Amino acid sequence: LSLTYAVRPSQSGRLRIKQGQAIGLLDDKLVSASQSLPAALEKALTLLDMAQPEAITIYCGEKASPAETVEIEATIRRYTPHAEVEVVARGAAPLSLYNLH
């Protein structure tokens, strides 16, 4: 799952995206859009089958903010309370703000 901001307006199925809007992509397919990255993540997680993963790694992009990273991590912990969550420092996700594996 990748989280980033839309670079231009677009539409994908029922989702209408505005430039600058936070989006969630799964296997390069748009799955969520919202006004913030944590909200886009939350929408994406409700669509995914999170069959209790043992571990989730959050790879942060170069421009990821520390405060937003804390929110992303907290959102993941709410949805997967038994998973081990690791955050990898900024710059580890070159093409998006956050990649989750």
Protein backbone atom coordinates (compact mmCIF):
# COMPACT_ATOMS: atom_id res chain seq x y z
CA LEU A 1 0.00 0.00 0.00
CA SER A 2 1.39 3.41 -0.97
CA LEU A 3 0.25 6.80 0.30
CA THR A 4 0.94 10.04 -1.52
CA TYR A 5 -0.75 13.15 -2.91
CA ALA A 6 -2.44 13.39 -6.31
CA VAL A 7 -0.40 15.43 -8.78
CA ARG A 8 -3.43 16.19 -10.96
CA PRO A 9 -7.22 15.83 -10.90
CA SER A 10 -8.51 12.46 -12.08
CA GLN A 11 -11.24 9.89 -11.71
CA SER A 12 -10.95 6.18 -11.05
CA GLY A 13 -14.22 4.27 -10.86
CA ARG A 14 -16.34 6.01 -8.23
CA LEU A 15 -13.40 8.00 -6.84
CA ARG A 16 -13.06 11.58 -8.03
CA ILE A 17 -9.63 12.94 -7.15
CA LYS A 18 -8.60 16.58 -6.78
CA GLN A 19 -5.04 17.76 -7.32
CA GLY A 20 -3.21 17.70 -3.99
CA GLN A 21 -5.64 15.26 -2.36
CA ALA A 22 -4.21 12.40 -0.26
CA ILE A 23 -4.55 9.03 -2.02
CA GLY A 24 -3.94 5.37 -1.26
CA LEU A 25 -2.70 3.00 -3.97
CA LEU A 26 -2.62 -0.80 -3.79
CA ASP A 27 -0.64 -2.51 -6.55
CA ASP A 28 -0.76 0.81 -8.46
CA LYS A 29 -4.57 0.86 -8.28
CA LEU A 30 -6.28 3.79 -6.58
CA VAL A 31 -8.19 2.52 -3.53
CA SER A 32 -8.80 5.62 -1.40
CA ALA A 33 -8.80 9.40 -1.38
CA SER A 34 -9.20 11.88 1.44
CA GLN A 35 -8.02 15.25 2.73
CA SER A 36 -5.17 13.77 4.80
CA LEU A 37 -2.82 10.81 4.44
CA PRO A 38 -3.95 9.19 7.73
CA ALA A 39 -7.58 9.43 6.57
CA ALA A 40 -6.71 7.97 3.14
CA LEU A 41 -4.89 5.15 4.94
CA GLU A 42 -7.89 4.48 7.17
CA LYS A 43 -10.21 4.30 4.16
CA ALA A 44 -7.80 1.92 2.40
CA LEU A 45 -7.47 -0.32 5.46
CA THR A 46 -11.25 -0.72 5.70
CA LEU A 47 -11.21 -2.09 2.13
CA LEU A 48 -8.31 -4.49 2.64
CA ASP A 49 -8.37 -7.91 4.21
CA MET A 50 -5.88 -7.35 7.00
CA ALA A 51 -5.75 -10.99 8.13
CA GLN A 52 -3.77 -10.16 11.25
CA PRO A 53 -0.30 -9.66 9.78
CA GLU A 54 2.60 -10.43 12.08
CA ALA A 55 4.58 -7.38 11.01
CA ILE A 56 4.10 -4.17 9.05
CA THR A 57 6.93 -1.92 7.94
CA ILE A 58 6.29 1.74 7.15
CA TYR A 59 8.83 3.10 4.67
CA CYS A 60 8.81 6.90 4.84
CA GLY A 61 9.47 9.11 1.84
CA GLU A 62 11.89 11.99 1.82
CA LYS A 63 9.15 14.55 2.44
CA ALA A 64 7.30 12.61 5.14
CA SER A 65 6.68 14.75 8.20
CA PRO A 66 7.42 13.36 11.67
CA ALA A 67 3.96 14.35 12.96
CA GLU A 68 2.18 12.68 10.05
CA THR A 69 4.33 9.58 10.46
CA VAL A 70 3.15 9.29 14.06
CA GLU A 71 -0.48 9.51 12.85
CA ILE A 72 0.13 6.88 10.14
CA GLU A 73 1.69 4.53 12.69
CA ALA A 74 -1.18 5.07 15.16
CA THR A 75 -3.76 4.33 12.46
CA ILE A 76 -2.01 1.08 11.54
CA ARG A 77 -1.78 0.04 15.20
CA ARG A 78 -5.55 0.61 15.62
CA TYR A 79 -6.33 -1.67 12.67
CA THR A 80 -3.69 -4.31 13.40
CA PRO A 81 -3.16 -4.25 17.19
CA HIS A 82 -1.22 -7.54 17.30
CA ALA A 83 1.21 -6.73 14.48
CA GLU A 84 4.75 -5.56 15.10
CA VAL A 85 5.05 -2.13 13.45
CA GLU A 86 8.41 -0.76 12.33
CA VAL A 87 9.04 2.71 10.91
CA VAL A 88 11.98 3.11 8.52
CA ALA A 89 13.52 6.57 8.34
CA ARG A 90 12.76 9.24 5.77
CA GLY A 91 14.07 8.65 2.28
CA ALA A 92 13.28 4.92 2.24
CA ALA A 93 10.25 5.35 -0.07
CA PRO A 94 11.57 7.23 -3.12
CA LEU A 95 8.35 7.43 -5.17
CA SER A 96 5.74 8.15 -2.50
CA LEU A 97 5.40 9.61 0.95
CA TYR A 98 4.74 6.24 2.60
CA ASN A 99 4.95 2.60 1.51
CA LEU A 100 3.56 -0.09 3.79
CA HIS A 101 4.61 -3.72 3.58
